């Protein structure tokens, strides 16, 4: 296992979400996750040479859940890693760096099919940063992307291979994915 300590970054203030609508219930998220797991198995013809990598912080629990689902379906679970992309972002002047967690790769990704997993796909900048970070751990045979929510508004030519829910949003809206489902909201100014 390759492990990398997170770099020290200045703390960022938390963004408080004022929830306005529940988009997916926990049961909906479970169904979407099961569908994504089946799609991953179908596309890759099993879990051989497959590695799931959750992008900190929102993609990690989803990657773990997908790993467990794949293990239940295929009989063997693929390895699951975690990736902190804070230092690989290209928009650090626009948003503060957030210390998310340690990066861990359970295996060498060279020659493997890596499924990057995140909670929300928005501009594509996090995925771009994840691709750069992933390159530090080897050269995968292929990289696929699984997200729970694709909200549009792309700034880079990035598209998810596996999507739980396409959710067109306004740019000033926020999407929160958690144990209690998927919520739409706005910044709480209190």
N, C-alpha and C. Protein backbone atom coordinates (compact mmCIF):
# COMPACT_ATOMS: atom_id res chain seq x y z
N UNK A 1 0.85 -1.18 0.00
CA UNK A 1 0.00 0.00 0.00
C UNK A 1 0.89 1.23 0.00
N UNK A 2 0.61 2.15 -0.87
CA UNK A 2 1.33 3.41 -0.93
C UNK A 2 0.52 4.43 -0.15
N UNK A 3 1.16 5.14 0.76
CA UNK A 3 0.43 6.13 1.55
C UNK A 3 1.17 7.44 1.49
N UNK A 4 0.42 8.51 1.40
CA UNK A 4 0.99 9.83 1.29
C UNK A 4 0.28 10.71 2.31
N UNK A 5 1.03 11.41 3.14
CA UNK A 5 0.41 12.29 4.13
C UNK A 5 -0.13 13.53 3.45
N UNK A 6 -1.26 14.04 3.94
CA UNK A 6 -1.78 15.27 3.36
C UNK A 6 -0.84 16.43 3.66
N UNK A 7 -0.70 17.34 2.73
CA UNK A 7 0.15 18.50 2.93
C UNK A 7 -0.60 19.51 3.78
N UNK A 8 0.14 20.28 4.55
CA UNK A 8 -0.50 21.30 5.37
C UNK A 8 -1.03 22.41 4.47
N UNK A 9 -2.26 22.75 4.68
CA UNK A 9 -2.88 23.82 3.92
C UNK A 9 -3.61 24.74 4.88
N UNK A 10 -3.80 25.99 4.50
CA UNK A 10 -4.53 26.88 5.39
C UNK A 10 -5.98 26.42 5.53
N UNK A 11 -6.52 26.50 6.74
CA UNK A 11 -7.90 26.07 6.91
C UNK A 11 -8.87 26.97 6.15
N UNK A 12 -9.91 26.38 5.64
CA UNK A 12 -10.95 27.12 4.94
C UNK A 12 -12.20 27.10 5.80
N UNK A 13 -12.93 28.15 5.76
CA UNK A 13 -14.18 28.18 6.51
C UNK A 13 -15.21 27.27 5.87
N UNK A 14 -16.00 26.59 6.68
CA UNK A 14 -17.00 25.69 6.11
C UNK A 14 -18.12 26.47 5.43
N UNK A 15 -18.61 25.92 4.35
CA UNK A 15 -19.74 26.51 3.65
C UNK A 15 -21.00 25.87 4.23
N UNK A 16 -21.87 26.69 4.76
CA UNK A 16 -23.11 26.17 5.32
C UNK A 16 -24.18 26.17 4.23
N UNK A 17 -24.86 25.03 4.14
CA UNK A 17 -25.89 24.86 3.12
C UNK A 17 -27.26 25.02 3.76
N UNK A 18 -28.06 25.88 3.17
CA UNK A 18 -29.46 25.96 3.56
C UNK A 18 -30.20 25.09 2.55
N UNK A 19 -30.66 23.94 3.02
CA UNK A 19 -31.31 22.97 2.14
C UNK A 19 -32.66 23.50 1.67
N UNK A 20 -32.90 23.34 0.35
CA UNK A 20 -34.18 23.79 -0.20
C UNK A 20 -35.02 22.63 -0.73
N UNK A 21 -34.38 21.52 -1.14
CA UNK A 21 -35.15 20.39 -1.66
C UNK A 21 -34.32 19.11 -1.59
N UNK A 22 -34.98 18.03 -1.21
CA UNK A 22 -34.31 16.73 -1.26
C UNK A 22 -34.52 16.14 -2.65
N UNK A 23 -33.41 15.81 -3.30
CA UNK A 23 -33.44 15.31 -4.67
C UNK A 23 -33.47 13.78 -4.69
N UNK A 24 -32.67 13.14 -3.82
CA UNK A 24 -32.65 11.69 -3.69
C UNK A 24 -32.71 11.31 -2.22
N UNK A 25 -33.55 10.35 -1.90
CA UNK A 25 -33.61 9.83 -0.54
C UNK A 25 -32.45 8.84 -0.35
N UNK A 26 -32.18 8.41 0.88
CA UNK A 26 -31.16 7.38 1.07
C UNK A 26 -31.44 6.11 0.25
N UNK A 27 -32.70 5.73 0.14
CA UNK A 27 -33.06 4.55 -0.67
C UNK A 27 -32.77 4.79 -2.14
N UNK A 28 -33.02 6.02 -2.62
CA UNK A 28 -32.70 6.36 -4.01
C UNK A 28 -31.19 6.27 -4.27
N UNK A 29 -30.40 6.75 -3.30
CA UNK A 29 -28.95 6.70 -3.43
C UNK A 29 -28.48 5.24 -3.47
N UNK A 30 -29.08 4.39 -2.66
CA UNK A 30 -28.71 2.97 -2.67
C UNK A 30 -29.04 2.33 -4.01
N UNK A 31 -30.21 2.65 -4.57
CA UNK A 31 -30.57 2.11 -5.88
C UNK A 31 -29.62 2.61 -6.97
N UNK A 32 -29.31 3.90 -6.93
CA UNK A 32 -28.38 4.46 -7.92
C UNK A 32 -27.00 3.82 -7.78
N UNK A 33 -26.55 3.60 -6.56
CA UNK A 33 -25.26 2.95 -6.33
C UNK A 33 -25.26 1.53 -6.87
N UNK A 34 -26.33 0.80 -6.64
CA UNK A 34 -26.43 -0.58 -7.15
C UNK A 34 -26.40 -0.58 -8.68
N UNK A 35 -27.09 0.38 -9.29
CA UNK A 35 -27.09 0.47 -10.75
C UNK A 35 -25.69 0.78 -11.27
N UNK A 36 -25.01 1.73 -10.63
CA UNK A 36 -23.65 2.08 -11.04
C UNK A 36 -22.72 0.87 -10.89
N UNK A 37 -22.86 0.13 -9.80
CA UNK A 37 -22.01 -1.06 -9.60
C UNK A 37 -22.23 -2.07 -10.72
N UNK A 38 -23.48 -2.30 -11.10
CA UNK A 38 -23.76 -3.24 -12.20
C UNK A 38 -23.20 -2.71 -13.53
N UNK A 39 -23.30 -1.40 -13.76
CA UNK A 39 -22.76 -0.81 -14.99
C UNK A 39 -21.23 -0.95 -15.03
N UNK A 40 -20.57 -0.74 -13.88
CA UNK A 40 -19.12 -0.90 -13.82
C UNK A 40 -18.74 -2.34 -14.14
N UNK A 41 -19.45 -3.29 -13.55
CA UNK A 41 -19.17 -4.71 -13.83
C UNK A 41 -19.38 -5.04 -15.30
N UNK A 42 -20.46 -4.55 -15.87
CA UNK A 42 -20.76 -4.84 -17.27
C UNK A 42 -19.70 -4.24 -18.20
N UNK A 43 -19.36 -2.98 -17.97
CA UNK A 43 -18.39 -2.31 -18.84
C UNK A 43 -17.02 -2.96 -18.76
N UNK A 44 -16.63 -3.42 -17.55
CA UNK A 44 -15.28 -3.95 -17.34
C UNK A 44 -15.22 -5.47 -17.31
N UNK A 45 -16.35 -6.12 -17.54
CA UNK A 45 -16.44 -7.58 -17.56
C UNK A 45 -15.88 -8.21 -16.28
N UNK A 46 -16.27 -7.63 -15.16
CA UNK A 46 -15.83 -8.13 -13.86
C UNK A 46 -14.98 -7.11 -13.13
N UNK A 47 -14.29 -7.57 -12.08
CA UNK A 47 -13.50 -6.66 -11.25
C UNK A 47 -12.00 -6.93 -11.35
N UNK A 48 -11.61 -7.85 -12.22
CA UNK A 48 -10.19 -8.13 -12.39
C UNK A 48 -9.48 -6.89 -12.93
N UNK A 49 -8.36 -6.55 -12.33
CA UNK A 49 -7.57 -5.37 -12.71
C UNK A 49 -8.35 -4.06 -12.58
N UNK A 50 -9.29 -4.02 -11.64
CA UNK A 50 -10.11 -2.84 -11.39
C UNK A 50 -9.75 -2.26 -10.03
N UNK A 51 -9.60 -0.94 -9.95
CA UNK A 51 -9.33 -0.25 -8.70
C UNK A 51 -10.29 0.92 -8.60
N UNK A 52 -10.97 1.06 -7.48
CA UNK A 52 -11.82 2.22 -7.23
C UNK A 52 -11.02 3.22 -6.43
N UNK A 53 -11.11 4.50 -6.80
CA UNK A 53 -10.39 5.55 -6.08
C UNK A 53 -11.37 6.68 -5.79
N UNK A 54 -11.69 6.86 -4.52
CA UNK A 54 -12.58 7.93 -4.10
C UNK A 54 -11.84 9.24 -3.95
N UNK A 55 -12.41 10.31 -4.49
CA UNK A 55 -11.82 11.63 -4.36
C UNK A 55 -12.32 12.23 -3.05
N UNK A 56 -11.36 12.65 -2.20
CA UNK A 56 -11.72 13.25 -0.91
C UNK A 56 -12.51 14.51 -1.15
N UNK A 57 -13.51 14.81 -0.36
CA UNK A 57 -13.97 14.00 0.74
C UNK A 57 -15.24 13.23 0.33
N UNK A 58 -16.04 13.82 -0.54
CA UNK A 58 -17.33 13.23 -0.87
C UNK A 58 -17.29 11.93 -1.64
N UNK A 59 -16.24 11.68 -2.40
CA UNK A 59 -16.18 10.47 -3.21
C UNK A 59 -15.74 9.24 -2.45
N UNK A 60 -15.08 9.43 -1.30
CA UNK A 60 -14.55 8.29 -0.55
C UNK A 60 -15.65 7.36 -0.04
N UNK A 61 -16.68 7.86 0.66
CA UNK A 61 -17.71 6.93 1.12
C UNK A 61 -18.46 6.26 -0.03
N UNK A 62 -18.61 6.96 -1.14
CA UNK A 62 -19.29 6.37 -2.29
C UNK A 62 -18.43 5.26 -2.89
N UNK A 63 -17.11 5.50 -2.99
CA UNK A 63 -16.20 4.47 -3.51
C UNK A 63 -16.23 3.23 -2.62
N UNK A 64 -16.22 3.44 -1.32
CA UNK A 64 -16.27 2.29 -0.39
C UNK A 64 -17.58 1.51 -0.56
N UNK A 65 -18.69 2.23 -0.68
CA UNK A 65 -19.98 1.56 -0.87
C UNK A 65 -20.01 0.80 -2.19
N UNK A 66 -19.47 1.42 -3.25
CA UNK A 66 -19.43 0.72 -4.55
C UNK A 66 -18.54 -0.52 -4.46
N UNK A 67 -17.43 -0.42 -3.75
CA UNK A 67 -16.55 -1.57 -3.57
C UNK A 67 -17.27 -2.71 -2.89
N UNK A 68 -18.02 -2.40 -1.85
CA UNK A 68 -18.79 -3.44 -1.14
C UNK A 68 -19.86 -4.03 -2.04
N UNK A 69 -20.55 -3.19 -2.80
CA UNK A 69 -21.58 -3.69 -3.72
C UNK A 69 -20.95 -4.60 -4.79
N UNK A 70 -19.84 -4.16 -5.36
CA UNK A 70 -19.16 -4.98 -6.37
C UNK A 70 -18.71 -6.31 -5.79
N UNK A 71 -18.22 -6.28 -4.56
CA UNK A 71 -17.82 -7.52 -3.89
C UNK A 71 -18.99 -8.46 -3.70
N UNK A 72 -20.14 -7.90 -3.36
CA UNK A 72 -21.33 -8.73 -3.18
C UNK A 72 -21.84 -9.33 -4.47
N UNK A 73 -21.69 -8.61 -5.55
CA UNK A 73 -22.17 -9.08 -6.85
C UNK A 73 -21.17 -10.04 -7.49
N UNK A 74 -19.90 -9.64 -7.50
CA UNK A 74 -18.87 -10.40 -8.22
C UNK A 74 -18.20 -11.47 -7.37
N UNK A 75 -18.42 -11.41 -6.07
CA UNK A 75 -17.79 -12.39 -5.19
C UNK A 75 -16.42 -11.96 -4.68
N UNK A 76 -15.84 -10.96 -5.26
CA UNK A 76 -14.57 -10.41 -4.80
C UNK A 76 -14.62 -8.90 -5.00
N UNK A 77 -14.23 -8.17 -3.95
CA UNK A 77 -14.29 -6.71 -4.01
C UNK A 77 -12.99 -6.15 -4.60
N UNK A 78 -13.08 -5.15 -5.44
CA UNK A 78 -11.86 -4.51 -5.94
C UNK A 78 -11.22 -3.68 -4.84
N UNK A 79 -9.93 -3.41 -4.94
CA UNK A 79 -9.30 -2.52 -3.96
C UNK A 79 -9.88 -1.11 -4.08
N UNK A 80 -9.93 -0.42 -2.95
CA UNK A 80 -10.47 0.95 -2.91
C UNK A 80 -9.42 1.88 -2.31
N UNK A 81 -9.08 2.92 -3.06
CA UNK A 81 -8.13 3.92 -2.58
C UNK A 81 -8.80 5.25 -2.34
N UNK A 82 -8.01 6.18 -1.80
CA UNK A 82 -8.49 7.53 -1.50
C UNK A 82 -7.50 8.53 -2.06
N UNK A 83 -8.01 9.62 -2.63
CA UNK A 83 -7.16 10.59 -3.29
C UNK A 83 -7.51 12.00 -2.83
N UNK A 84 -6.52 12.71 -2.28
CA UNK A 84 -6.68 14.12 -1.93
C UNK A 84 -6.08 14.93 -3.07
N UNK A 85 -6.87 15.79 -3.68
CA UNK A 85 -6.42 16.52 -4.87
C UNK A 85 -6.13 18.00 -4.61
N UNK A 86 -6.14 18.43 -3.36
CA UNK A 86 -6.02 19.86 -3.03
C UNK A 86 -4.82 20.52 -3.70
N UNK A 87 -3.68 19.88 -3.68
CA UNK A 87 -2.47 20.51 -4.21
C UNK A 87 -2.35 20.40 -5.73
N UNK A 88 -3.30 19.73 -6.36
CA UNK A 88 -3.27 19.57 -7.82
C UNK A 88 -4.28 20.48 -8.52
N UNK A 89 -5.03 21.25 -7.73
CA UNK A 89 -6.08 22.09 -8.31
C UNK A 89 -5.47 23.27 -9.06
N UNK A 90 -6.16 23.72 -10.08
CA UNK A 90 -5.69 24.86 -10.86
C UNK A 90 -6.47 26.13 -10.54
N UNK A 91 -7.36 26.05 -9.55
CA UNK A 91 -8.19 27.21 -9.22
C UNK A 91 -7.98 27.68 -7.78
N UNK A 92 -6.75 27.51 -7.28
CA UNK A 92 -6.50 27.85 -5.88
C UNK A 92 -6.60 29.35 -5.60
N UNK A 93 -6.49 30.17 -6.63
CA UNK A 93 -6.66 31.61 -6.41
C UNK A 93 -8.13 31.97 -6.23
N UNK A 94 -9.01 31.11 -6.71
CA UNK A 94 -10.45 31.39 -6.64
C UNK A 94 -11.12 30.76 -5.42
N UNK A 95 -10.49 29.72 -4.88
CA UNK A 95 -11.09 29.00 -3.76
C UNK A 95 -9.98 28.57 -2.82
N UNK A 96 -10.26 28.52 -1.54
CA UNK A 96 -9.22 28.14 -0.59
C UNK A 96 -8.87 26.65 -0.71
N UNK A 97 -7.61 26.33 -0.40
CA UNK A 97 -7.21 24.92 -0.34
C UNK A 97 -7.82 24.31 0.90
N UNK A 98 -8.34 23.12 0.78
CA UNK A 98 -8.97 22.44 1.90
C UNK A 98 -8.24 21.13 2.14
N UNK A 99 -7.72 20.97 3.36
CA UNK A 99 -7.07 19.72 3.74
C UNK A 99 -8.15 18.65 3.88
N UNK A 100 -8.16 17.68 2.99
CA UNK A 100 -9.26 16.72 2.94
C UNK A 100 -8.95 15.42 3.67
N UNK A 101 -7.79 14.87 3.49
CA UNK A 101 -7.45 13.61 4.12
C UNK A 101 -6.27 12.97 3.43
N UNK A 102 -5.81 11.85 3.95
CA UNK A 102 -4.64 11.21 3.36
C UNK A 102 -4.96 10.54 2.03
N UNK A 103 -3.97 10.53 1.17
CA UNK A 103 -4.08 9.78 -0.07
C UNK A 103 -3.53 8.38 0.18
N UNK A 104 -4.30 7.36 -0.16
CA UNK A 104 -3.83 5.98 -0.03
C UNK A 104 -4.19 5.23 -1.30
N UNK A 105 -3.22 4.50 -1.82
CA UNK A 105 -3.44 3.64 -2.97
C UNK A 105 -3.16 2.21 -2.52
N UNK A 106 -4.15 1.33 -2.57
CA UNK A 106 -3.96 -0.04 -2.08
C UNK A 106 -3.08 -0.89 -2.99
N UNK A 107 -2.92 -0.47 -4.24
CA UNK A 107 -2.11 -1.22 -5.21
C UNK A 107 -1.46 -0.23 -6.17
N UNK A 108 -0.48 -0.70 -6.91
CA UNK A 108 0.10 0.08 -7.99
C UNK A 108 -0.96 0.15 -9.09
N UNK A 109 -1.28 1.34 -9.55
CA UNK A 109 -2.34 1.49 -10.54
C UNK A 109 -1.86 1.26 -11.97
N UNK A 110 -0.56 1.08 -12.16
CA UNK A 110 -0.03 0.86 -13.51
C UNK A 110 -0.67 -0.38 -14.13
N UNK A 111 -1.26 -0.20 -15.30
CA UNK A 111 -1.89 -1.29 -16.02
C UNK A 111 -3.29 -1.65 -15.53
N UNK A 112 -3.78 -0.97 -14.52
CA UNK A 112 -5.11 -1.23 -13.96
C UNK A 112 -6.14 -0.32 -14.62
N UNK A 113 -7.41 -0.69 -14.50
CA UNK A 113 -8.50 0.22 -14.84
C UNK A 113 -8.90 0.89 -13.54
N UNK A 114 -8.78 2.19 -13.50
CA UNK A 114 -9.11 2.96 -12.30
C UNK A 114 -10.45 3.63 -12.51
N UNK A 115 -11.35 3.45 -11.57
CA UNK A 115 -12.62 4.17 -11.58
C UNK A 115 -12.52 5.25 -10.51
N UNK A 116 -12.36 6.50 -10.95
CA UNK A 116 -12.39 7.63 -10.03
C UNK A 116 -13.84 7.82 -9.60
N UNK A 117 -14.05 8.07 -8.31
CA UNK A 117 -15.40 8.20 -7.78
C UNK A 117 -15.50 9.52 -7.03
N UNK A 118 -16.54 10.30 -7.35
CA UNK A 118 -16.79 11.55 -6.64
C UNK A 118 -18.28 11.70 -6.39
N UNK A 119 -18.62 12.61 -5.49
CA UNK A 119 -20.03 12.80 -5.18
C UNK A 119 -20.73 13.65 -6.22
N UNK A 120 -20.13 14.80 -6.59
CA UNK A 120 -20.78 15.73 -7.52
C UNK A 120 -19.79 16.12 -8.61
N UNK A 121 -20.23 16.04 -9.86
CA UNK A 121 -19.45 16.54 -10.99
C UNK A 121 -20.04 17.89 -11.37
N UNK A 122 -19.19 18.91 -11.35
CA UNK A 122 -19.65 20.27 -11.62
C UNK A 122 -18.80 20.85 -12.75
N UNK A 123 -17.77 21.60 -12.46
CA UNK A 123 -16.97 22.24 -13.50
C UNK A 123 -16.01 21.28 -14.19
N UNK A 124 -15.63 20.21 -13.51
CA UNK A 124 -14.66 19.26 -14.04
C UNK A 124 -13.26 19.50 -13.50
N UNK A 125 -13.05 20.57 -12.75
CA UNK A 125 -11.72 20.91 -12.26
C UNK A 125 -11.22 19.92 -11.21
N UNK A 126 -12.09 19.41 -10.37
CA UNK A 126 -11.67 18.41 -9.38
C UNK A 126 -11.21 17.14 -10.08
N UNK A 127 -11.92 16.73 -11.11
CA UNK A 127 -11.55 15.53 -11.86
C UNK A 127 -10.21 15.74 -12.56
N UNK A 128 -10.01 16.92 -13.15
CA UNK A 128 -8.73 17.22 -13.78
C UNK A 128 -7.59 17.11 -12.77
N UNK A 129 -7.82 17.67 -11.58
CA UNK A 129 -6.81 17.58 -10.51
C UNK A 129 -6.59 16.12 -10.10
N UNK A 130 -7.65 15.35 -10.05
CA UNK A 130 -7.53 13.93 -9.68
C UNK A 130 -6.71 13.16 -10.71
N UNK A 131 -6.89 13.48 -11.98
CA UNK A 131 -6.10 12.82 -13.02
C UNK A 131 -4.61 13.13 -12.85
N UNK A 132 -4.30 14.39 -12.53
CA UNK A 132 -2.91 14.76 -12.27
C UNK A 132 -2.36 14.03 -11.05
N UNK A 133 -3.14 13.99 -9.98
CA UNK A 133 -2.70 13.32 -8.75
C UNK A 133 -2.51 11.82 -8.99
N UNK A 134 -3.42 11.22 -9.73
CA UNK A 134 -3.35 9.79 -10.01
C UNK A 134 -2.08 9.43 -10.77
N UNK A 135 -1.62 10.33 -11.63
CA UNK A 135 -0.41 10.07 -12.42
C UNK A 135 0.82 9.89 -11.52
N UNK A 136 0.79 10.42 -10.31
CA UNK A 136 1.90 10.23 -9.37
C UNK A 136 1.99 8.79 -8.87
N UNK A 137 0.95 8.00 -9.10
CA UNK A 137 0.91 6.62 -8.58
C UNK A 137 1.02 5.58 -9.68
N UNK A 138 1.31 5.99 -10.90
CA UNK A 138 1.47 5.04 -11.99
C UNK A 138 0.67 5.47 -13.21
N UNK A 139 0.72 4.60 -14.23
CA UNK A 139 0.00 4.87 -15.47
C UNK A 139 -1.08 3.82 -15.66
N UNK A 140 -2.33 4.17 -15.30
CA UNK A 140 -3.42 3.21 -15.47
C UNK A 140 -3.64 2.86 -16.94
N UNK A 141 -4.16 1.67 -17.17
CA UNK A 141 -4.54 1.28 -18.53
C UNK A 141 -5.69 2.14 -19.01
N UNK A 142 -6.64 2.42 -18.12
CA UNK A 142 -7.79 3.27 -18.43
C UNK A 142 -8.28 3.92 -17.15
N UNK A 143 -8.89 5.09 -17.30
CA UNK A 143 -9.51 5.77 -16.17
C UNK A 143 -10.96 6.05 -16.54
N UNK A 144 -11.86 5.64 -15.65
CA UNK A 144 -13.29 5.90 -15.82
C UNK A 144 -13.74 6.76 -14.65
N UNK A 145 -14.89 7.41 -14.80
CA UNK A 145 -15.39 8.32 -13.77
C UNK A 145 -16.81 7.94 -13.39
N UNK A 146 -17.02 7.79 -12.08
CA UNK A 146 -18.36 7.53 -11.53
C UNK A 146 -18.70 8.65 -10.56
N UNK A 147 -19.89 9.22 -10.71
CA UNK A 147 -20.35 10.28 -9.81
C UNK A 147 -21.80 10.00 -9.41
N UNK A 148 -22.15 10.44 -8.21
CA UNK A 148 -23.53 10.29 -7.78
C UNK A 148 -24.42 11.33 -8.47
N UNK A 149 -23.90 12.58 -8.63
CA UNK A 149 -24.70 13.64 -9.24
C UNK A 149 -23.85 14.38 -10.27
N UNK A 150 -24.41 14.55 -11.46
CA UNK A 150 -23.80 15.40 -12.49
C UNK A 150 -24.69 16.62 -12.60
N UNK A 151 -24.19 17.77 -12.20
CA UNK A 151 -25.01 18.98 -12.18
C UNK A 151 -24.76 19.91 -13.35
N UNK A 152 -23.88 19.52 -14.28
CA UNK A 152 -23.64 20.35 -15.45
C UNK A 152 -22.67 21.49 -15.17
N UNK A 153 -22.68 22.51 -16.02
CA UNK A 153 -21.84 23.71 -15.89
C UNK A 153 -20.36 23.41 -16.06
N UNK A 154 -20.01 22.51 -16.97
CA UNK A 154 -18.63 22.11 -17.16
C UNK A 154 -17.78 23.26 -17.70
N UNK A 155 -16.57 23.36 -17.18
CA UNK A 155 -15.57 24.30 -17.67
C UNK A 155 -14.47 23.57 -18.43
N UNK A 156 -14.42 22.26 -18.29
CA UNK A 156 -13.43 21.43 -18.96
C UNK A 156 -14.16 20.29 -19.67
N UNK A 157 -13.56 19.74 -20.73
CA UNK A 157 -14.24 18.67 -21.48
C UNK A 157 -14.14 17.32 -20.77
N UNK A 158 -14.90 17.19 -19.68
CA UNK A 158 -14.89 15.98 -18.87
C UNK A 158 -16.32 15.48 -18.76
N UNK A 159 -16.49 14.16 -18.93
CA UNK A 159 -17.82 13.56 -18.84
C UNK A 159 -17.72 12.29 -18.00
N UNK A 160 -18.72 12.07 -17.15
CA UNK A 160 -18.73 10.87 -16.32
C UNK A 160 -19.18 9.66 -17.13
N UNK A 161 -18.58 8.50 -16.82
CA UNK A 161 -18.97 7.24 -17.44
C UNK A 161 -20.18 6.64 -16.74
N UNK A 162 -20.29 6.88 -15.43
CA UNK A 162 -21.37 6.31 -14.62
C UNK A 162 -21.95 7.43 -13.76
N UNK A 163 -23.26 7.66 -13.87
CA UNK A 163 -23.92 8.77 -13.17
C UNK A 163 -25.14 8.24 -12.42
N UNK A 164 -25.23 8.61 -11.15
CA UNK A 164 -26.40 8.26 -10.36
C UNK A 164 -27.61 9.10 -10.75
N UNK A 165 -27.40 10.42 -10.90
CA UNK A 165 -28.50 11.34 -11.21
C UNK A 165 -27.96 12.55 -11.95
N UNK A 166 -28.52 12.85 -13.10
CA UNK A 166 -28.25 14.12 -13.79
C UNK A 166 -29.18 15.15 -13.19
N UNK A 167 -28.62 16.23 -12.70
CA UNK A 167 -29.40 17.23 -11.98
C UNK A 167 -29.03 18.63 -12.46
N UNK A 168 -29.73 19.14 -13.46
CA UNK A 168 -29.45 20.50 -13.92
C UNK A 168 -29.68 21.49 -12.78
N UNK A 169 -28.73 22.37 -12.57
CA UNK A 169 -28.82 23.33 -11.48
C UNK A 169 -28.48 24.72 -11.99
N UNK A 170 -28.81 25.71 -11.17
CA UNK A 170 -28.30 27.06 -11.40
C UNK A 170 -26.89 27.10 -10.82
N UNK A 171 -26.07 28.00 -11.31
CA UNK A 171 -24.70 28.06 -10.80
C UNK A 171 -24.62 28.51 -9.36
N UNK A 172 -25.62 29.23 -8.87
CA UNK A 172 -25.59 29.68 -7.48
C UNK A 172 -26.16 28.64 -6.52
N UNK A 173 -26.63 27.52 -7.03
CA UNK A 173 -27.14 26.46 -6.16
C UNK A 173 -26.00 25.53 -5.75
N UNK A 174 -26.20 24.84 -4.65
CA UNK A 174 -25.24 23.85 -4.16
C UNK A 174 -25.91 22.49 -4.11
N UNK A 175 -25.12 21.44 -4.23
CA UNK A 175 -25.62 20.07 -4.11
C UNK A 175 -24.84 19.40 -3.00
N UNK A 176 -25.55 18.75 -2.10
CA UNK A 176 -24.92 18.06 -0.98
C UNK A 176 -25.32 16.59 -1.03
N UNK A 177 -24.31 15.71 -1.02
CA UNK A 177 -24.54 14.27 -1.01
C UNK A 177 -24.08 13.76 0.35
N UNK A 178 -24.95 13.03 1.03
CA UNK A 178 -24.60 12.51 2.35
C UNK A 178 -25.39 11.27 2.68
N UNK A 179 -25.25 10.82 3.91
CA UNK A 179 -25.95 9.62 4.35
C UNK A 179 -27.46 9.78 4.30
N UNK A 180 -27.92 11.03 4.39
CA UNK A 180 -29.37 11.26 4.37
C UNK A 180 -29.87 11.65 2.98
N UNK A 181 -29.11 11.29 1.93
CA UNK A 181 -29.56 11.50 0.57
C UNK A 181 -28.85 12.64 -0.13
N UNK A 182 -29.47 13.14 -1.18
CA UNK A 182 -28.92 14.24 -1.97
C UNK A 182 -29.86 15.43 -1.82
N UNK A 183 -29.27 16.57 -1.48
CA UNK A 183 -30.03 17.78 -1.22
C UNK A 183 -29.56 18.90 -2.13
N UNK A 184 -30.50 19.73 -2.53
CA UNK A 184 -30.23 20.94 -3.29
C UNK A 184 -30.38 22.09 -2.32
N UNK A 185 -29.56 23.12 -2.45
CA UNK A 185 -29.67 24.24 -1.53
C UNK A 185 -28.89 25.43 -2.01
N UNK A 186 -28.70 26.36 -1.08
CA UNK A 186 -27.96 27.57 -1.37
C UNK A 186 -27.12 27.91 -0.16
N UNK A 187 -26.17 28.81 -0.33
CA UNK A 187 -25.30 29.19 0.78
C UNK A 187 -26.14 29.88 1.85
N UNK A 188 -25.97 29.40 3.08
CA UNK A 188 -26.66 29.99 4.22
C UNK A 188 -25.81 31.14 4.73
N UNK A 189 -26.31 32.35 4.63
CA UNK A 189 -25.55 33.53 4.99
C UNK A 189 -25.55 33.85 6.47
N UNK A 190 -26.17 33.01 7.29
CA UNK A 190 -26.23 33.31 8.73
C UNK A 190 -24.91 33.18 9.39
